[in-house]
Each structure stands twice: as C-alpha cells, then as structure tokens.
Amino acid sequence: MDPVVKDLPCSLEELFNGCVKKIKVTRKRYTPEGELVDEAKALTITVKPGWKKGTKVTFPSEGDEGPNIVPADLVFVLAEKPHAKLKREGNNLVYTARISLADALTDCSIPVPTLDGRSLSIPCPEVVSPGYEKEIGDEGMPLSKKPGSRGTLVIRFNIVFPEYLSQPNKVQLRKLLSPGSAAAPPPAPLEEEKAVEDTQ
C-alpha cells in the first residue's frame, strides 16, 4: 500500500526555534464488532530547530483499514511558509535592504530583524555597489545536525536611485565621481622673497 502523504506547513520562526505540532487525523478503523467506522487520533510531531523543507516524518500503519487492506503509512512532509522579510537559502538567511544611493556611497547602518525577536544594527561603512553582499556569521539558521552551530546571515541591497537631479547637482556629482577627482590638495602659497638691500 502506498503511503498517505500530507504537507506539514511551518513558519520560518518555527523552523528556527523548533516547535511541537499536534495534528488530528481521521481514518477508518474496525471496531471489536467488525464494524468499519471513522476514528480520530491526535499525532504529535516535534520539529527540531534547523529542519528543512522536504523533511519527512512517518507514522507507520496510520492509514485507513478496510477489507483486505493493510493500513498505509502516514507521511508528513515539511513545507516552509514564506516570510515577510527573510528568505532561507540552505542554512543561510537572506535579508534584502532597501537603501538610497546616498547611503550606498557613504556610511550607513542597516537594521535587520531576526527570527528570535532581536533587531540587529549592521554598520556598512563601505561603498555598496550593485550586486554587493554583506555576510554576518553565526546569524543564520540553526544546523540540526550540529547543535550550537548556525549558518550565515546574508544582506543583499536594493539601491534606490533618485528619479530626478538638477543640472547643477549633475555637474557637481560628475566632478566628485569622475576619475582623478580626488586630486591632491592645492599647493601652499609661495613665500614672498625678501628684498635684498644693496649694502653698497
């Protein structure tokens, strides 16, 4: 008999912190009198921190009974619910920060929510170019097979460019950003030569 497969939806917080899922199932069962009736049963699944989507939990012979039928196994397959701000990639968590072009070119600090209720403030003093990623170690998902270890938090950037720049601002930006714009400071003024008096 093929197993009966059902989804087990879990939020990213549940997969990060671990949780206990209690699931009520109804299946066909014979009474002692030989009558086939619906029987309800509560199943308990302990989701460990770091479990990934596709993880299977099997309850042997919990399917329907019937004439000449061996009850099938009941299999729950873990499904990951989408998160509003974070995305899971393997053992890593990905956060996409929306920043202005001014922040991308100068110092900024990125607030990042976590799945355990904290809020990280990540300094970003470097120039952020398109495609740049910043990694924060040990702030990703727990590793279910390595208790105490965690993956990486990856910060990606969505740089918002201004919709309009005035001509004077364009000229000023071009001067600042053109190669060689960081010229050497202007030379110090030359000291005036002292007049030499004729002693004759």
N, C-alpha and C. Protein backbone atom coordinates (compact mmCIF):
# COMPACT_ATOMS: atom_id res chain seq x y z
N MET A 1 0.84 -1.19 0.00
CA MET A 1 0.00 0.00 0.00
C MET A 1 0.88 1.25 0.00
N ASP A 2 0.62 2.16 -0.94
CA ASP A 2 1.40 3.40 -1.00
C ASP A 2 1.10 4.26 0.23
N PRO A 3 2.10 4.97 0.73
CA PRO A 3 1.87 5.81 1.90
C PRO A 3 0.94 6.97 1.59
N VAL A 4 0.27 7.45 2.62
CA VAL A 4 -0.57 8.63 2.52
C VAL A 4 0.31 9.83 2.89
N VAL A 5 0.46 10.79 1.96
CA VAL A 5 1.39 11.92 2.15
C VAL A 5 0.60 13.19 2.38
N LYS A 6 0.98 13.92 3.42
CA LYS A 6 0.35 15.21 3.74
C LYS A 6 1.43 16.25 4.00
N ASP A 7 1.11 17.52 3.70
CA ASP A 7 2.04 18.61 3.99
C ASP A 7 2.00 18.98 5.46
N LEU A 8 3.14 19.44 5.96
CA LEU A 8 3.24 19.96 7.33
C LEU A 8 3.77 21.40 7.24
N PRO A 9 2.88 22.39 7.08
CA PRO A 9 3.33 23.78 6.92
C PRO A 9 3.95 24.31 8.22
N CYS A 10 5.12 24.95 8.10
CA CYS A 10 5.81 25.56 9.24
C CYS A 10 6.30 26.94 8.85
N SER A 11 6.20 27.87 9.79
CA SER A 11 6.74 29.20 9.55
C SER A 11 8.25 29.16 9.72
N LEU A 12 8.92 30.20 9.23
CA LEU A 12 10.38 30.27 9.37
C LEU A 12 10.77 30.39 10.84
N GLU A 13 9.94 31.07 11.64
CA GLU A 13 10.20 31.15 13.07
C GLU A 13 10.14 29.77 13.72
N GLU A 14 9.16 28.96 13.32
CA GLU A 14 9.04 27.60 13.88
C GLU A 14 10.23 26.74 13.50
N LEU A 15 10.72 26.91 12.29
CA LEU A 15 11.88 26.13 11.85
C LEU A 15 13.17 26.64 12.50
N PHE A 16 13.19 27.90 12.89
CA PHE A 16 14.37 28.47 13.55
C PHE A 16 14.42 28.05 15.02
N ASN A 17 13.30 28.18 15.70
CA ASN A 17 13.26 27.94 17.14
C ASN A 17 12.88 26.51 17.51
N GLY A 18 12.29 25.78 16.56
CA GLY A 18 11.73 24.46 16.88
C GLY A 18 10.33 24.62 17.46
N CYS A 19 9.51 23.59 17.32
CA CYS A 19 8.14 23.66 17.83
C CYS A 19 7.56 22.26 17.91
N VAL A 20 6.38 22.17 18.53
CA VAL A 20 5.65 20.90 18.60
C VAL A 20 4.32 21.10 17.87
N LYS A 21 4.08 20.24 16.90
CA LYS A 21 2.84 20.29 16.12
C LYS A 21 1.93 19.14 16.54
N LYS A 22 0.69 19.45 16.89
CA LYS A 22 -0.30 18.43 17.21
C LYS A 22 -1.32 18.39 16.08
N ILE A 23 -1.46 17.24 15.47
CA ILE A 23 -2.29 17.11 14.27
C ILE A 23 -3.36 16.05 14.51
N LYS A 24 -4.60 16.43 14.24
CA LYS A 24 -5.71 15.49 14.39
C LYS A 24 -6.02 14.86 13.04
N VAL A 25 -6.00 13.54 13.00
CA VAL A 25 -6.29 12.81 11.76
C VAL A 25 -7.48 11.89 11.99
N THR A 26 -8.23 11.65 10.93
CA THR A 26 -9.37 10.72 10.97
C THR A 26 -9.13 9.63 9.95
N ARG A 27 -9.26 8.38 10.40
CA ARG A 27 -9.04 7.25 9.48
C ARG A 27 -10.07 6.16 9.75
N LYS A 28 -10.21 5.23 8.85
CA LYS A 28 -11.16 4.12 9.00
C LYS A 28 -10.53 3.04 9.89
N ARG A 29 -11.30 2.58 10.87
CA ARG A 29 -10.84 1.53 11.77
C ARG A 29 -11.99 0.56 12.08
N TYR A 30 -11.64 -0.70 12.27
CA TYR A 30 -12.63 -1.72 12.64
C TYR A 30 -12.86 -1.69 14.15
N THR A 31 -14.13 -1.77 14.55
CA THR A 31 -14.47 -1.92 15.95
C THR A 31 -14.32 -3.40 16.32
N PRO A 32 -14.33 -3.71 17.63
CA PRO A 32 -14.27 -5.14 18.02
C PRO A 32 -15.42 -5.96 17.44
N GLU A 33 -16.50 -5.26 17.08
CA GLU A 33 -17.65 -5.98 16.50
C GLU A 33 -17.50 -6.16 14.99
N GLY A 34 -16.40 -5.63 14.42
CA GLY A 34 -16.17 -5.80 13.00
C GLY A 34 -16.78 -4.72 12.13
N GLU A 35 -17.25 -3.65 12.77
CA GLU A 35 -17.84 -2.55 12.01
C GLU A 35 -16.76 -1.53 11.65
N LEU A 36 -16.78 -1.04 10.43
CA LEU A 36 -15.79 -0.07 9.96
C LEU A 36 -16.31 1.34 10.25
N VAL A 37 -15.57 2.09 11.09
CA VAL A 37 -16.01 3.43 11.50
C VAL A 37 -14.86 4.43 11.36
N ASP A 38 -15.24 5.71 11.39
CA ASP A 38 -14.22 6.77 11.43
C ASP A 38 -13.67 6.91 12.84
N GLU A 39 -12.36 6.95 12.94
CA GLU A 39 -11.72 7.11 14.26
C GLU A 39 -10.74 8.28 14.21
N ALA A 40 -10.84 9.16 15.18
CA ALA A 40 -9.94 10.31 15.25
C ALA A 40 -8.76 9.99 16.16
N LYS A 41 -7.62 10.53 15.79
CA LYS A 41 -6.42 10.33 16.60
C LYS A 41 -5.55 11.57 16.51
N ALA A 42 -4.93 11.96 17.62
CA ALA A 42 -4.03 13.12 17.65
C ALA A 42 -2.59 12.64 17.53
N LEU A 43 -1.88 13.18 16.57
CA LEU A 43 -0.47 12.85 16.35
C LEU A 43 0.39 14.04 16.77
N THR A 44 1.53 13.75 17.34
CA THR A 44 2.44 14.80 17.79
C THR A 44 3.75 14.73 17.01
N ILE A 45 4.15 15.87 16.45
CA ILE A 45 5.40 15.97 15.69
C ILE A 45 6.27 17.04 16.35
N THR A 46 7.48 16.65 16.75
CA THR A 46 8.43 17.60 17.32
C THR A 46 9.37 18.08 16.21
N VAL A 47 9.19 19.33 15.82
CA VAL A 47 10.03 19.93 14.77
C VAL A 47 11.29 20.47 15.42
N LYS A 48 12.44 19.98 14.99
CA LYS A 48 13.70 20.41 15.58
C LYS A 48 14.21 21.68 14.91
N PRO A 49 14.90 22.55 15.66
CA PRO A 49 15.47 23.76 15.06
C PRO A 49 16.39 23.42 13.89
N GLY A 50 16.16 24.09 12.75
CA GLY A 50 17.01 23.88 11.59
C GLY A 50 16.48 22.89 10.57
N TRP A 51 15.36 22.22 10.88
CA TRP A 51 14.80 21.29 9.88
C TRP A 51 14.51 22.04 8.59
N LYS A 52 14.67 21.33 7.47
CA LYS A 52 14.48 21.94 6.16
C LYS A 52 13.21 21.43 5.50
N LYS A 53 12.72 22.22 4.54
CA LYS A 53 11.54 21.77 3.79
C LYS A 53 11.88 20.47 3.08
N GLY A 54 10.91 19.57 3.03
CA GLY A 54 11.13 18.25 2.45
C GLY A 54 11.44 17.19 3.48
N THR A 55 11.73 17.60 4.71
CA THR A 55 11.95 16.62 5.79
C THR A 55 10.67 15.81 5.99
N LYS A 56 10.81 14.49 6.13
CA LYS A 56 9.65 13.61 6.24
C LYS A 56 9.55 13.00 7.64
N VAL A 57 8.32 12.96 8.14
CA VAL A 57 8.03 12.31 9.42
C VAL A 57 6.98 11.23 9.14
N THR A 58 7.31 9.98 9.47
CA THR A 58 6.44 8.85 9.11
C THR A 58 5.79 8.23 10.34
N PHE A 59 4.48 8.00 10.25
CA PHE A 59 3.73 7.26 11.27
C PHE A 59 3.29 5.94 10.63
N PRO A 60 3.93 4.84 10.98
CA PRO A 60 3.62 3.55 10.34
C PRO A 60 2.18 3.10 10.59
N SER A 61 1.54 2.61 9.56
CA SER A 61 0.22 1.95 9.64
C SER A 61 -0.87 2.83 10.26
N GLU A 62 -0.81 4.13 9.97
CA GLU A 62 -1.84 5.03 10.50
C GLU A 62 -2.87 5.41 9.44
N GLY A 63 -2.84 4.74 8.30
CA GLY A 63 -3.83 4.98 7.26
C GLY A 63 -5.13 4.23 7.52
N ASP A 64 -6.00 4.19 6.51
CA ASP A 64 -7.30 3.53 6.67
C ASP A 64 -7.17 2.02 6.69
N GLU A 65 -8.03 1.40 7.53
CA GLU A 65 -8.24 -0.05 7.45
C GLU A 65 -9.40 -0.32 6.50
N GLY A 66 -9.51 -1.53 6.01
CA GLY A 66 -10.59 -1.92 5.12
C GLY A 66 -10.48 -3.39 4.78
N PRO A 67 -11.47 -3.90 4.07
CA PRO A 67 -11.43 -5.32 3.68
C PRO A 67 -10.18 -5.62 2.85
N ASN A 68 -9.39 -6.56 3.32
CA ASN A 68 -8.17 -6.98 2.63
C ASN A 68 -7.19 -5.81 2.39
N ILE A 69 -7.23 -4.83 3.30
CA ILE A 69 -6.35 -3.65 3.17
C ILE A 69 -5.43 -3.58 4.40
N VAL A 70 -4.16 -3.48 4.15
CA VAL A 70 -3.19 -3.23 5.21
C VAL A 70 -3.07 -1.72 5.35
N PRO A 71 -3.27 -1.17 6.56
CA PRO A 71 -3.20 0.28 6.72
C PRO A 71 -1.87 0.85 6.22
N ALA A 72 -1.97 1.89 5.43
CA ALA A 72 -0.77 2.50 4.86
C ALA A 72 -0.07 3.38 5.91
N ASP A 73 1.19 3.67 5.64
CA ASP A 73 1.91 4.62 6.47
C ASP A 73 1.39 6.03 6.20
N LEU A 74 1.42 6.87 7.22
CA LEU A 74 1.04 8.27 7.08
C LEU A 74 2.31 9.11 7.16
N VAL A 75 2.60 9.84 6.08
CA VAL A 75 3.86 10.59 5.98
C VAL A 75 3.56 12.08 5.90
N PHE A 76 4.19 12.85 6.79
CA PHE A 76 4.08 14.31 6.75
C PHE A 76 5.38 14.87 6.19
N VAL A 77 5.23 15.74 5.18
CA VAL A 77 6.38 16.36 4.53
C VAL A 77 6.42 17.83 4.91
N LEU A 78 7.53 18.25 5.49
CA LEU A 78 7.64 19.62 5.97
C LEU A 78 7.61 20.62 4.81
N ALA A 79 6.75 21.61 4.92
CA ALA A 79 6.65 22.68 3.92
C ALA A 79 6.94 24.01 4.62
N GLU A 80 7.69 24.87 3.95
CA GLU A 80 8.12 26.14 4.54
C GLU A 80 7.22 27.28 4.08
N LYS A 81 6.61 27.98 5.04
CA LYS A 81 5.78 29.13 4.70
C LYS A 81 6.69 30.31 4.35
N PRO A 82 6.28 31.14 3.39
CA PRO A 82 7.09 32.33 3.06
C PRO A 82 7.10 33.31 4.22
N HIS A 83 8.24 34.01 4.38
CA HIS A 83 8.39 35.01 5.43
C HIS A 83 8.35 36.40 4.82
N ALA A 84 7.83 37.37 5.58
CA ALA A 84 7.65 38.72 5.05
C ALA A 84 8.97 39.43 4.77
N LYS A 85 10.03 39.13 5.55
CA LYS A 85 11.26 39.91 5.43
C LYS A 85 12.50 39.06 5.17
N LEU A 86 12.50 37.82 5.57
CA LEU A 86 13.68 36.97 5.44
C LEU A 86 13.40 35.80 4.50
N LYS A 87 14.46 35.32 3.87
CA LYS A 87 14.36 34.18 2.97
C LYS A 87 15.45 33.17 3.35
N ARG A 88 15.09 31.92 3.31
CA ARG A 88 16.05 30.87 3.65
C ARG A 88 16.69 30.31 2.39
N GLU A 89 18.01 30.19 2.42
CA GLU A 89 18.76 29.53 1.34
C GLU A 89 19.69 28.53 2.01
N GLY A 90 19.26 27.28 2.06
CA GLY A 90 20.04 26.26 2.76
C GLY A 90 20.08 26.55 4.25
N ASN A 91 21.27 26.72 4.79
CA ASN A 91 21.42 27.07 6.20
C ASN A 91 21.55 28.57 6.42
N ASN A 92 21.49 29.35 5.34
CA ASN A 92 21.65 30.79 5.43
C ASN A 92 20.29 31.50 5.43
N LEU A 93 20.29 32.68 6.01
CA LEU A 93 19.13 33.56 5.93
C LEU A 93 19.51 34.78 5.11
N VAL A 94 18.62 35.21 4.23
CA VAL A 94 18.89 36.34 3.34
C VAL A 94 17.92 37.47 3.65
N TYR A 95 18.49 38.66 3.84
CA TYR A 95 17.68 39.86 4.05
C TYR A 95 18.06 40.88 2.98
N THR A 96 17.06 41.43 2.29
CA THR A 96 17.31 42.44 1.26
C THR A 96 16.99 43.81 1.83
N ALA A 97 18.02 44.65 1.94
CA ALA A 97 17.87 46.00 2.49
C ALA A 97 17.65 47.00 1.36
N ARG A 98 16.70 47.86 1.54
CA ARG A 98 16.42 48.93 0.57
C ARG A 98 17.12 50.20 1.06
N ILE A 99 18.10 50.68 0.31
CA ILE A 99 18.85 51.87 0.73
C ILE A 99 18.91 52.88 -0.40
N SER A 100 19.11 54.14 -0.03
CA SER A 100 19.22 55.19 -1.03
C SER A 100 20.61 55.18 -1.65
N LEU A 101 20.76 55.86 -2.78
CA LEU A 101 22.06 55.96 -3.42
C LEU A 101 23.05 56.70 -2.51
N ALA A 102 22.55 57.69 -1.77
CA ALA A 102 23.43 58.42 -0.84
C ALA A 102 23.97 57.49 0.23
N ASP A 103 23.11 56.61 0.77
CA ASP A 103 23.57 55.64 1.77
C ASP A 103 24.55 54.64 1.17
N ALA A 104 24.31 54.27 -0.10
CA ALA A 104 25.20 53.31 -0.75
C ALA A 104 26.61 53.88 -0.93
N LEU A 105 26.71 55.19 -1.11
CA LEU A 105 28.01 55.81 -1.36
C LEU A 105 28.69 56.30 -0.10
N THR A 106 27.94 56.40 0.99
CA THR A 106 28.51 56.89 2.25
C THR A 106 28.18 55.91 3.37
N ASP A 107 28.58 56.24 4.57
CA ASP A 107 28.32 55.36 5.71
C ASP A 107 26.82 55.23 5.96
N CYS A 108 26.40 54.01 6.34
CA CYS A 108 25.02 53.81 6.75
C CYS A 108 24.97 52.63 7.71
N SER A 109 23.84 52.47 8.37
CA SER A 109 23.62 51.36 9.29
C SER A 109 22.33 50.66 8.88
N ILE A 110 22.37 49.33 8.78
CA ILE A 110 21.23 48.56 8.28
C ILE A 110 20.53 47.86 9.45
N PRO A 111 19.26 48.18 9.73
CA PRO A 111 18.52 47.42 10.74
C PRO A 111 18.00 46.11 10.14
N VAL A 112 18.30 45.00 10.81
CA VAL A 112 17.91 43.68 10.29
C VAL A 112 17.12 42.93 11.36
N PRO A 113 15.88 42.50 11.07
CA PRO A 113 15.12 41.72 12.04
C PRO A 113 15.64 40.28 12.10
N THR A 114 15.47 39.65 13.25
CA THR A 114 15.88 38.25 13.39
C THR A 114 14.67 37.40 13.74
N LEU A 115 14.82 36.09 13.62
CA LEU A 115 13.72 35.18 13.87
C LEU A 115 13.53 34.87 15.36
N ASP A 116 14.45 35.35 16.20
CA ASP A 116 14.30 35.15 17.64
C ASP A 116 13.93 36.46 18.35
N GLY A 117 13.42 37.43 17.58
CA GLY A 117 12.88 38.65 18.18
C GLY A 117 13.86 39.78 18.37
N ARG A 118 15.11 39.60 17.99
CA ARG A 118 16.07 40.69 18.13
C ARG A 118 16.05 41.57 16.88
N SER A 119 16.73 42.71 16.98
CA SER A 119 16.94 43.57 15.82
C SER A 119 18.41 43.94 15.77
N LEU A 120 19.07 43.54 14.70
CA LEU A 120 20.50 43.82 14.55
C LEU A 120 20.69 45.16 13.85
N SER A 121 21.71 45.89 14.25
CA SER A 121 22.09 47.12 13.57
C SER A 121 23.46 46.88 12.95
N ILE A 122 23.49 46.71 11.63
CA ILE A 122 24.71 46.31 10.94
C ILE A 122 25.35 47.54 10.30
N PRO A 123 26.54 47.95 10.78
CA PRO A 123 27.22 49.09 10.16
C PRO A 123 27.71 48.74 8.77
N CYS A 124 27.62 49.68 7.87
CA CYS A 124 28.04 49.45 6.48
C CYS A 124 28.83 50.66 5.99
N PRO A 125 30.09 50.79 6.43
CA PRO A 125 30.89 51.96 6.05
C PRO A 125 31.44 51.89 4.63
N GLU A 126 31.41 50.69 4.03
CA GLU A 126 31.97 50.54 2.69
C GLU A 126 31.01 51.05 1.63
N VAL A 127 31.53 51.29 0.42
CA VAL A 127 30.69 51.66 -0.71
C VAL A 127 29.92 50.43 -1.17
N VAL A 128 28.61 50.55 -1.28
CA VAL A 128 27.75 49.43 -1.68
C VAL A 128 27.47 49.55 -3.18
N SER A 129 27.98 48.63 -3.94
CA SER A 129 27.76 48.61 -5.39
C SER A 129 26.68 47.60 -5.73
N PRO A 130 26.04 47.70 -6.90
CA PRO A 130 25.03 46.72 -7.29
C PRO A 130 25.59 45.30 -7.26
N GLY A 131 24.86 44.39 -6.63
CA GLY A 131 25.31 43.01 -6.54
C GLY A 131 26.15 42.71 -5.30
N TYR A 132 26.49 43.74 -4.53
CA TYR A 132 27.31 43.54 -3.33
C TYR A 132 26.50 42.83 -2.25
N GLU A 133 27.16 41.93 -1.51
CA GLU A 133 26.53 41.23 -0.40
C GLU A 133 27.41 41.35 0.83
N LYS A 134 26.77 41.47 1.97
CA LYS A 134 27.48 41.53 3.25
C LYS A 134 27.07 40.31 4.08
N GLU A 135 28.04 39.59 4.64
CA GLU A 135 27.77 38.37 5.38
C GLU A 135 28.08 38.55 6.86
N ILE A 136 27.14 38.07 7.69
CA ILE A 136 27.30 38.10 9.14
C ILE A 136 27.27 36.65 9.63
N GLY A 137 28.39 36.18 10.10
CA GLY A 137 28.50 34.77 10.51
C GLY A 137 27.68 34.45 11.75
N ASP A 138 27.22 33.21 11.83
CA ASP A 138 26.52 32.67 13.00
C ASP A 138 25.20 33.38 13.30
N GLU A 139 24.58 33.99 12.25
CA GLU A 139 23.27 34.61 12.43
C GLU A 139 22.24 34.01 11.47
N GLY A 140 22.57 32.83 10.91
CA GLY A 140 21.64 32.16 10.01
C GLY A 140 20.80 31.13 10.73
N MET A 141 20.36 30.10 10.01
CA MET A 141 19.53 29.05 10.58
C MET A 141 20.37 28.10 11.44
N PRO A 142 19.76 27.53 12.49
CA PRO A 142 20.47 26.50 13.26
C PRO A 142 20.76 25.28 12.39
N LEU A 143 21.87 24.60 12.66
CA LEU A 143 22.20 23.37 11.95
C LEU A 143 21.68 22.20 12.78
N SER A 144 20.67 21.51 12.26
CA SER A 144 20.01 20.46 13.04
C SER A 144 20.96 19.33 13.41
N LYS A 145 21.98 19.09 12.59
CA LYS A 145 22.92 18.01 12.88
C LYS A 145 24.15 18.47 13.64
N LYS A 146 24.25 19.80 13.88
CA LYS A 146 25.36 20.36 14.65
C LYS A 146 24.80 21.35 15.66
N PRO A 147 24.27 20.84 16.77
CA PRO A 147 23.68 21.74 17.77
C PRO A 147 24.67 22.82 18.22
N GLY A 148 24.17 24.04 18.32
CA GLY A 148 25.02 25.15 18.72
C GLY A 148 25.64 25.90 17.56
N SER A 149 25.56 25.32 16.36
CA SER A 149 26.12 25.96 15.16
C SER A 149 24.99 26.56 14.33
N ARG A 150 25.31 27.65 13.64
CA ARG A 150 24.32 28.31 12.80
C ARG A 150 24.96 28.74 11.49
N GLY A 151 24.11 28.95 10.50
CA GLY A 151 24.56 29.40 9.19
C GLY A 151 24.86 30.90 9.21
N THR A 152 24.82 31.49 8.02
CA THR A 152 25.22 32.88 7.83
C THR A 152 24.01 33.75 7.48
N LEU A 153 24.03 34.98 7.97
CA LEU A 153 23.06 35.98 7.55
C LEU A 153 23.66 36.75 6.38
N VAL A 154 22.98 36.73 5.25
CA VAL A 154 23.45 37.40 4.05
C VAL A 154 22.57 38.63 3.80
N ILE A 155 23.20 39.79 3.73
CA ILE A 155 22.46 41.03 3.45
C ILE A 155 22.70 41.42 2.00
N ARG A 156 21.63 41.50 1.24
CA ARG A 156 21.68 41.98 -0.13
C ARG A 156 21.05 43.37 -0.18
N PHE A 157 21.36 44.11 -1.22
CA PHE A 157 20.97 45.52 -1.25
C PHE A 157 20.17 45.86 -2.49
N ASN A 158 19.11 46.58 -2.26
CA ASN A 158 18.30 47.16 -3.34
C ASN A 158 18.54 48.67 -3.29
N ILE A 159 19.38 49.16 -4.21
CA ILE A 159 19.76 50.58 -4.19
C ILE A 159 18.73 51.39 -4.95
N VAL A 160 18.17 52.39 -4.28
CA VAL A 160 17.14 53.22 -4.87
C VAL A 160 17.80 54.48 -5.44
N PHE A 161 17.74 54.64 -6.75
CA PHE A 161 18.32 55.81 -7.40
C PHE A 161 17.32 56.96 -7.42
N PRO A 162 17.78 58.20 -7.35
CA PRO A 162 16.84 59.34 -7.41
C PRO A 162 16.16 59.41 -8.77
N GLU A 163 14.93 59.88 -8.77
CA GLU A 163 14.18 60.00 -10.02
C GLU A 163 14.60 61.24 -10.81
N TYR A 164 15.15 62.24 -10.11
CA TYR A 164 15.49 63.49 -10.80
C TYR A 164 16.69 64.14 -10.12
N LEU A 165 17.56 64.72 -10.94
CA LEU A 165 18.68 65.52 -10.45
C LEU A 165 18.72 66.82 -11.25
N SER A 166 18.90 67.92 -10.55
CA SER A 166 19.02 69.20 -11.25
C SER A 166 20.36 69.26 -11.98
N GLN A 167 20.46 70.13 -12.96
CA GLN A 167 21.70 70.24 -13.73
C GLN A 167 22.91 70.61 -12.85
N PRO A 168 22.76 71.59 -11.94
CA PRO A 168 23.91 71.88 -11.07
C PRO A 168 24.35 70.67 -10.24
N ASN A 169 23.39 69.89 -9.76
CA ASN A 169 23.74 68.69 -9.00
C ASN A 169 24.44 67.66 -9.87
N LYS A 170 24.00 67.53 -11.12
CA LYS A 170 24.65 66.61 -12.04
C LYS A 170 26.11 67.00 -12.26
N VAL A 171 26.33 68.31 -12.46
CA VAL A 171 27.68 68.80 -12.68
C VAL A 171 28.56 68.53 -11.47
N GLN A 172 28.00 68.78 -10.29
CA GLN A 172 28.76 68.58 -9.05
C GLN A 172 29.07 67.10 -8.84
N LEU A 173 28.09 66.23 -9.09
CA LEU A 173 28.32 64.79 -8.95
C LEU A 173 29.37 64.29 -9.94
N ARG A 174 29.31 64.79 -11.16
CA ARG A 174 30.29 64.36 -12.16
C ARG A 174 31.70 64.74 -11.72
N LYS A 175 31.83 65.93 -11.15
CA LYS A 175 33.15 66.35 -10.67
C LYS A 175 33.63 65.45 -9.53
N LEU A 176 32.70 65.10 -8.61
CA LEU A 176 33.08 64.28 -7.47
C LEU A 176 33.41 62.85 -7.85
N LEU A 177 32.67 62.31 -8.82
CA LEU A 177 32.78 60.88 -9.13
C LEU A 177 33.68 60.57 -10.32
N SER A 178 34.11 61.59 -11.06
CA SER A 178 34.97 61.34 -12.21
C SER A 178 36.34 60.85 -11.75
N PRO A 179 36.99 59.98 -12.55
CA PRO A 179 38.34 59.52 -12.19
C PRO A 179 39.28 60.70 -12.02
N GLY A 180 40.08 60.64 -10.97
CA GLY A 180 41.02 61.72 -10.70
C GLY A 180 40.41 62.90 -9.99
N SER A 181 39.14 62.75 -9.57
CA SER A 181 38.50 63.87 -8.89
C SER A 181 39.10 64.11 -7.52
N ALA A 182 39.63 63.05 -6.92
CA ALA A 182 40.26 63.20 -5.61
C ALA A 182 41.67 63.72 -5.81
N ALA A 183 41.76 64.92 -6.31
CA ALA A 183 43.06 65.49 -6.64
C ALA A 183 43.82 65.85 -5.38
N ALA A 184 45.10 66.05 -5.55
CA ALA A 184 45.93 66.44 -4.42
C ALA A 184 45.51 67.82 -3.96
N PRO A 185 45.69 68.11 -2.66
CA PRO A 185 45.31 69.43 -2.16
C PRO A 185 46.10 70.52 -2.85
N PRO A 186 45.52 71.72 -2.95
CA PRO A 186 46.21 72.82 -3.65
C PRO A 186 47.52 73.14 -2.97
N PRO A 187 48.53 73.53 -3.75
CA PRO A 187 49.83 73.82 -3.15
C PRO A 187 49.75 75.02 -2.22
N ALA A 188 50.63 74.98 -1.22
CA ALA A 188 50.68 76.10 -0.28
C ALA A 188 51.19 77.34 -1.01
N PRO A 189 50.73 78.53 -0.61
CA PRO A 189 51.19 79.77 -1.28
C PRO A 189 52.69 79.95 -1.10
N LEU A 190 53.33 80.42 -2.18
CA LEU A 190 54.78 80.63 -2.12
C LEU A 190 55.11 81.79 -1.22
N GLU A 191 56.16 81.62 -0.44
CA GLU A 191 56.58 82.72 0.42
C GLU A 191 57.19 83.82 -0.45
N GLU A 192 56.84 85.03 -0.12
CA GLU A 192 57.40 86.15 -0.86
C GLU A 192 58.90 86.27 -0.56
N GLU A 193 59.64 86.45 -1.63
CA GLU A 193 61.09 86.58 -1.44
C GLU A 193 61.39 87.92 -0.77
N LYS A 194 62.21 87.79 0.21
CA LYS A 194 62.60 89.02 0.92
C LYS A 194 63.51 89.86 0.03
N ALA A 195 63.26 91.13 0.02
CA ALA A 195 64.10 92.02 -0.77
C ALA A 195 65.50 92.09 -0.15
N VAL A 196 66.44 92.04 -1.00
CA VAL A 196 67.82 92.13 -0.52
C VAL A 196 68.31 93.55 -0.72
N GLU A 197 68.60 94.18 0.36
CA GLU A 197 69.04 95.57 0.25
C GLU A 197 70.48 95.65 -0.26
N ASP A 198 70.73 96.67 -1.08
CA ASP A 198 72.08 96.89 -1.59
C ASP A 198 72.88 97.59 -0.50
N THR A 199 73.87 96.92 -0.01
CA THR A 199 74.65 97.47 1.10
C THR A 199 75.75 98.41 0.62
N GLN A 200 75.80 98.53 -0.70
CA GLN A 200 76.86 99.37 -1.19
C GLN A 200 76.57 100.83 -0.85
